[in-house]
Amino acid sequence: MKDKVQDEIIDEFSVFDDWLDKYDYLIELGNSLPEIDPKHRNDRYLINGCQSRVWVDARLEEGHVFYTADSDAIITKGIIALLIRVMNGRTPQEITDLDLYFIDAIGLSENLSPTRSNGLLAMVKQMKMYALAFANQHHADA
């Protein structure tokens, strides 16, 4: 299924021929990431499986999930910024069903080191776990 936000990201990355330029763009995106609440920069929000430290928090507002995140690595911060852009503001069900095709389309997976690729999968998994937890919580409350 086509997804407007993912298609925008694919278009933005298609202007760069060189992966170094794409990395620069990722770093820019990371710098534009809103700061995570300092109280969420602790082990409870830390994602296991990432080489660098990545913190992710999620909240449910009126049935939609919103994420905040931070990382101590600039590229990773850019990647998490992309994931947030794609997943933010969707319902838990939309997030758990989401096919993140932009990752392969922009060549991200093949241009990351194996440890970064694992970290990317860990971030996606954690973000989807939050959505799943919200979905289950909703069913429990209903």
C-alpha atoms as a PDB file:
ATOM      1  CA  MET A   1       0.000   0.000   0.000  1.00  0.00           C
ATOM      2  CA  LYS A   2       1.305   3.444  -0.924  1.00  0.00           C
ATOM      3  CA  ASP A   3       2.030   5.816   1.901  1.00  0.00           C
ATOM      4  CA  LYS A   4       2.284   9.581   1.364  1.00  0.00           C
ATOM      5  CA  VAL A   5       4.879  10.244   4.067  1.00  0.00           C
ATOM      6  CA  GLN A   6       7.135   7.407   2.938  1.00  0.00           C
ATOM      7  CA  ASP A   7       6.845   8.523  -0.693  1.00  0.00           C
ATOM      8  CA  GLU A   8       7.904  12.066   0.340  1.00  0.00           C
ATOM      9  CA  ILE A   9      10.989  10.650   2.061  1.00  0.00           C
ATOM     10  CA  ILE A  10      11.841   8.555  -1.022  1.00  0.00           C
ATOM     11  CA  ASP A  11      11.542  11.692  -3.193  1.00  0.00           C
ATOM     12  CA  GLU A  12      13.744  13.725  -0.844  1.00  0.00           C
ATOM     13  CA  PHE A  13      16.468  11.076  -0.873  1.00  0.00           C
ATOM     14  CA  SER A  14      16.268  10.596  -4.641  1.00  0.00           C
ATOM     15  CA  VAL A  15      17.864  14.016  -5.228  1.00  0.00           C
ATOM     16  CA  PHE A  16      21.143  12.764  -3.772  1.00  0.00           C
ATOM     17  CA  ASP A  17      23.298  10.547  -5.974  1.00  0.00           C
ATOM     18  CA  ASP A  18      25.971  10.064  -3.384  1.00  0.00           C
ATOM     19  CA  TRP A  19      25.558   8.249  -0.078  1.00  0.00           C
ATOM     20  CA  LEU A  20      27.738  10.820   1.655  1.00  0.00           C
ATOM     21  CA  ASP A  21      25.139  13.447   0.760  1.00  0.00           C
ATOM     22  CA  LYS A  22      22.399  11.171   2.059  1.00  0.00           C
ATOM     23  CA  TYR A  23      24.302  10.785   5.329  1.00  0.00           C
ATOM     24  CA  ASP A  24      24.586  14.582   5.580  1.00  0.00           C
ATOM     25  CA  TYR A  25      20.847  14.823   5.061  1.00  0.00           C
ATOM     26  CA  LEU A  26      20.250  12.184   7.740  1.00  0.00           C
ATOM     27  CA  ILE A  27      22.409  14.190  10.157  1.00  0.00           C
ATOM     28  CA  GLU A  28      20.377  17.322   9.353  1.00  0.00           C
ATOM     29  CA  LEU A  29      17.157  15.418  10.042  1.00  0.00           C
ATOM     30  CA  GLY A  30      18.585  14.204  13.332  1.00  0.00           C
ATOM     31  CA  ASN A  31      19.437  17.759  14.336  1.00  0.00           C
ATOM     32  CA  SER A  32      15.847  18.812  13.713  1.00  0.00           C
ATOM     33  CA  LEU A  33      14.474  16.105  16.025  1.00  0.00           C
ATOM     34  CA  PRO A  34      12.599  17.700  18.937  1.00  0.00           C
ATOM     35  CA  GLU A  35      14.351  16.994  22.227  1.00  0.00           C
ATOM     36  CA  ILE A  36      13.160  14.090  24.293  1.00  0.00           C
ATOM     37  CA  ASP A  37      12.188  14.871  27.861  1.00  0.00           C
ATOM     38  CA  PRO A  38      15.372  14.418  29.943  1.00  0.00           C
ATOM     39  CA  LYS A  39      13.467  12.107  32.298  1.00  0.00           C
ATOM     40  CA  HIS A  40      13.141   9.677  29.366  1.00  0.00           C
ATOM     41  CA  ARG A  41      16.889   9.524  28.784  1.00  0.00           C
ATOM     42  CA  ASN A  42      17.320   6.507  31.034  1.00  0.00           C
ATOM     43  CA  ASP A  43      17.654   2.750  30.740  1.00  0.00           C
ATOM     44  CA  ARG A  44      13.910   2.181  30.767  1.00  0.00           C
ATOM     45  CA  TYR A  45      13.573   3.939  27.383  1.00  0.00           C
ATOM     46  CA  LEU A  46      16.841   2.648  25.964  1.00  0.00           C
ATOM     47  CA  ILE A  47      16.542   0.349  22.960  1.00  0.00           C
ATOM     48  CA  ASN A  48      18.397  -2.933  23.224  1.00  0.00           C
ATOM     49  CA  GLY A  49      20.220  -4.072  20.117  1.00  0.00           C
ATOM     50  CA  CYS A  50      21.561  -0.677  19.080  1.00  0.00           C
ATOM     51  CA  GLN A  51      25.275  -0.060  18.977  1.00  0.00           C
ATOM     52  CA  SER A  52      24.719   3.554  19.941  1.00  0.00           C
ATOM     53  CA  ARG A  53      22.386   4.657  22.671  1.00  0.00           C
ATOM     54  CA  VAL A  54      18.842   5.368  21.512  1.00  0.00           C
ATOM     55  CA  TRP A  55      15.981   6.400  23.749  1.00  0.00           C
ATOM     56  CA  VAL A  56      12.393   6.235  22.538  1.00  0.00           C
ATOM     57  CA  ASP A  57       9.226   7.248  24.300  1.00  0.00           C
ATOM     58  CA  ALA A  58       5.654   7.121  23.024  1.00  0.00           C
ATOM     59  CA  ARG A  59       2.375   8.557  24.193  1.00  0.00           C
ATOM     60  CA  LEU A  60      -1.181   7.987  23.088  1.00  0.00           C
ATOM     61  CA  GLU A  61      -3.265  11.096  22.423  1.00  0.00           C
ATOM     62  CA  GLU A  62      -6.869  10.770  21.284  1.00  0.00           C
ATOM     63  CA  GLY A  63      -6.192   7.365  19.774  1.00  0.00           C
ATOM     64  CA  HIS A  64      -3.005   8.365  17.945  1.00  0.00           C
ATOM     65  CA  VAL A  65       0.575   7.556  18.864  1.00  0.00           C
ATOM     66  CA  PHE A  66       3.264  10.223  19.144  1.00  0.00           C
ATOM     67  CA  TYR A  67       6.951   9.460  19.650  1.00  0.00           C
ATOM     68  CA  THR A  68       9.920  11.325  21.004  1.00  0.00           C
ATOM     69  CA  ALA A  69      13.450  10.003  20.759  1.00  0.00           C
ATOM     70  CA  ASP A  70      17.105  10.823  21.045  1.00  0.00           C
ATOM     71  CA  SER A  71      20.421   9.187  20.305  1.00  0.00           C
ATOM     72  CA  ASP A  72      24.028   9.910  21.105  1.00  0.00           C
ATOM     73  CA  ALA A  73      24.972   9.030  17.490  1.00  0.00           C
ATOM     74  CA  ILE A  74      24.227  11.539  14.735  1.00  0.00           C
ATOM     75  CA  ILE A  75      23.347   9.058  11.963  1.00  0.00           C
ATOM     76  CA  THR A  76      21.160   7.009  14.287  1.00  0.00           C
ATOM     77  CA  LYS A  77      19.399  10.185  15.362  1.00  0.00           C
ATOM     78  CA  GLY A  78      18.619  10.889  11.702  1.00  0.00           C
ATOM     79  CA  ILE A  79      17.249   7.385  11.191  1.00  0.00           C
ATOM     80  CA  ILE A  80      15.003   7.644  14.242  1.00  0.00           C
ATOM     81  CA  ALA A  81      13.835  11.058  12.985  1.00  0.00           C
ATOM     82  CA  LEU A  82      12.713   9.366   9.742  1.00  0.00           C
ATOM     83  CA  LEU A  83      10.933   6.580  11.620  1.00  0.00           C
ATOM     84  CA  ILE A  84       9.128   9.111  13.805  1.00  0.00           C
ATOM     85  CA  ARG A  85       8.110  11.096  10.749  1.00  0.00           C
ATOM     86  CA  VAL A  86       6.546   7.993   9.214  1.00  0.00           C
ATOM     87  CA  MET A  87       4.897   6.628  12.362  1.00  0.00           C
ATOM     88  CA  ASN A  88       3.850   9.741  14.284  1.00  0.00           C
ATOM     89  CA  GLY A  89       0.182  10.587  14.558  1.00  0.00           C
ATOM     90  CA  ARG A  90      -1.109   7.231  13.370  1.00  0.00           C
ATOM     91  CA  THR A  91      -3.362   4.874  15.272  1.00  0.00           C
ATOM     92  CA  PRO A  92      -1.732   1.924  17.045  1.00  0.00           C
ATOM     93  CA  GLN A  93      -3.306  -0.423  14.484  1.00  0.00           C
ATOM     94  CA  GLU A  94      -1.903   1.580  11.541  1.00  0.00           C
ATOM     95  CA  ILE A  95       1.555   1.457  13.089  1.00  0.00           C
ATOM     96  CA  THR A  96       1.537  -2.278  13.780  1.00  0.00           C
ATOM     97  CA  ASP A  97       0.331  -2.916  10.193  1.00  0.00           C
ATOM     98  CA  LEU A  98       2.757  -0.451   8.610  1.00  0.00           C
ATOM     99  CA  ASP A  99       5.066  -1.725   5.881  1.00  0.00           C
ATOM    100  CA  LEU A 100       8.146   0.484   6.104  1.00  0.00           C
ATOM    101  CA  TYR A 101       9.085   0.180   2.446  1.00  0.00           C
ATOM    102  CA  PHE A 102      10.972   3.489   2.385  1.00  0.00           C
ATOM    103  CA  ILE A 103      13.911   1.876   4.239  1.00  0.00           C
ATOM    104  CA  ASP A 104      14.796  -0.313   1.258  1.00  0.00           C
ATOM    105  CA  ALA A 105      13.623   2.223  -1.314  1.00  0.00           C
ATOM    106  CA  ILE A 106      16.168   4.843  -0.187  1.00  0.00           C
ATOM    107  CA  GLY A 107      18.861   2.176   0.121  1.00  0.00           C
ATOM    108  CA  LEU A 108      19.165   2.646   3.852  1.00  0.00           C
ATOM    109  CA  SER A 109      19.496  -1.003   4.842  1.00  0.00           C
ATOM    110  CA  GLU A 110      22.194  -1.765   2.283  1.00  0.00           C
ATOM    111  CA  ASN A 111      24.245   1.309   3.198  1.00  0.00           C
ATOM    112  CA  LEU A 112      24.297   0.753   6.930  1.00  0.00           C
ATOM    113  CA  SER A 113      26.837  -1.356   8.763  1.00  0.00           C
ATOM    114  CA  PRO A 114      25.413  -4.664  10.041  1.00  0.00           C
ATOM    115  CA  THR A 115      25.303  -3.313  13.609  1.00  0.00           C
ATOM    116  CA  ARG A 116      23.428  -0.190  12.480  1.00  0.00           C
ATOM    117  CA  SER A 117      21.026  -2.356  10.458  1.00  0.00           C
ATOM    118  CA  ASN A 118      20.319  -4.413  13.567  1.00  0.00           C
ATOM    119  CA  GLY A 119      19.822  -1.189  15.483  1.00  0.00           C
ATOM    120  CA  LEU A 120      17.359   0.021  12.858  1.00  0.00           C
ATOM    121  CA  LEU A 121      15.353  -3.200  13.200  1.00  0.00           C
ATOM    122  CA  ALA A 122      15.454  -2.858  16.985  1.00  0.00           C
ATOM    123  CA  MET A 123      14.119   0.726  16.753  1.00  0.00           C
ATOM    124  CA  VAL A 124      11.282  -0.304  14.435  1.00  0.00           C
ATOM    125  CA  LYS A 125      10.445  -3.248  16.680  1.00  0.00           C
ATOM    126  CA  GLN A 126      10.369  -1.087  19.810  1.00  0.00           C
ATOM    127  CA  MET A 127       8.199   1.581  18.162  1.00  0.00           C
ATOM    128  CA  LYS A 128       5.757  -1.079  16.971  1.00  0.00           C
ATOM    129  CA  MET A 129       5.786  -2.650  20.463  1.00  0.00           C
ATOM    130  CA  TYR A 130       4.653   0.668  21.924  1.00  0.00           C
ATOM    131  CA  ALA A 131       1.808   0.777  19.393  1.00  0.00           C
ATOM    132  CA  LEU A 132       0.867  -2.804  20.185  1.00  0.00           C
ATOM    133  CA  ALA A 133       0.834  -2.048  23.907  1.00  0.00           C
ATOM    134  CA  PHE A 134      -1.461   0.958  23.291  1.00  0.00           C
ATOM    135  CA  ALA A 135      -3.740  -1.194  21.114  1.00  0.00           C
ATOM    136  CA  ASN A 136      -3.961  -3.868  23.810  1.00  0.00           C
ATOM    137  CA  GLN A 137      -4.537  -1.258  26.497  1.00  0.00           C
ATOM    138  CA  HIS A 138      -7.380   0.178  24.433  1.00  0.00           C
ATOM    139  CA  HIS A 139      -8.999  -3.245  24.089  1.00  0.00           C
ATOM    140  CA  ALA A 140      -8.620  -3.800  27.823  1.00  0.00           C
ATOM    141  CA  ASP A 141     -10.275  -0.445  28.561  1.00  0.00           C
ATOM    142  CA  ALA A 142     -13.095  -0.952  26.063  1.00  0.00           C
END
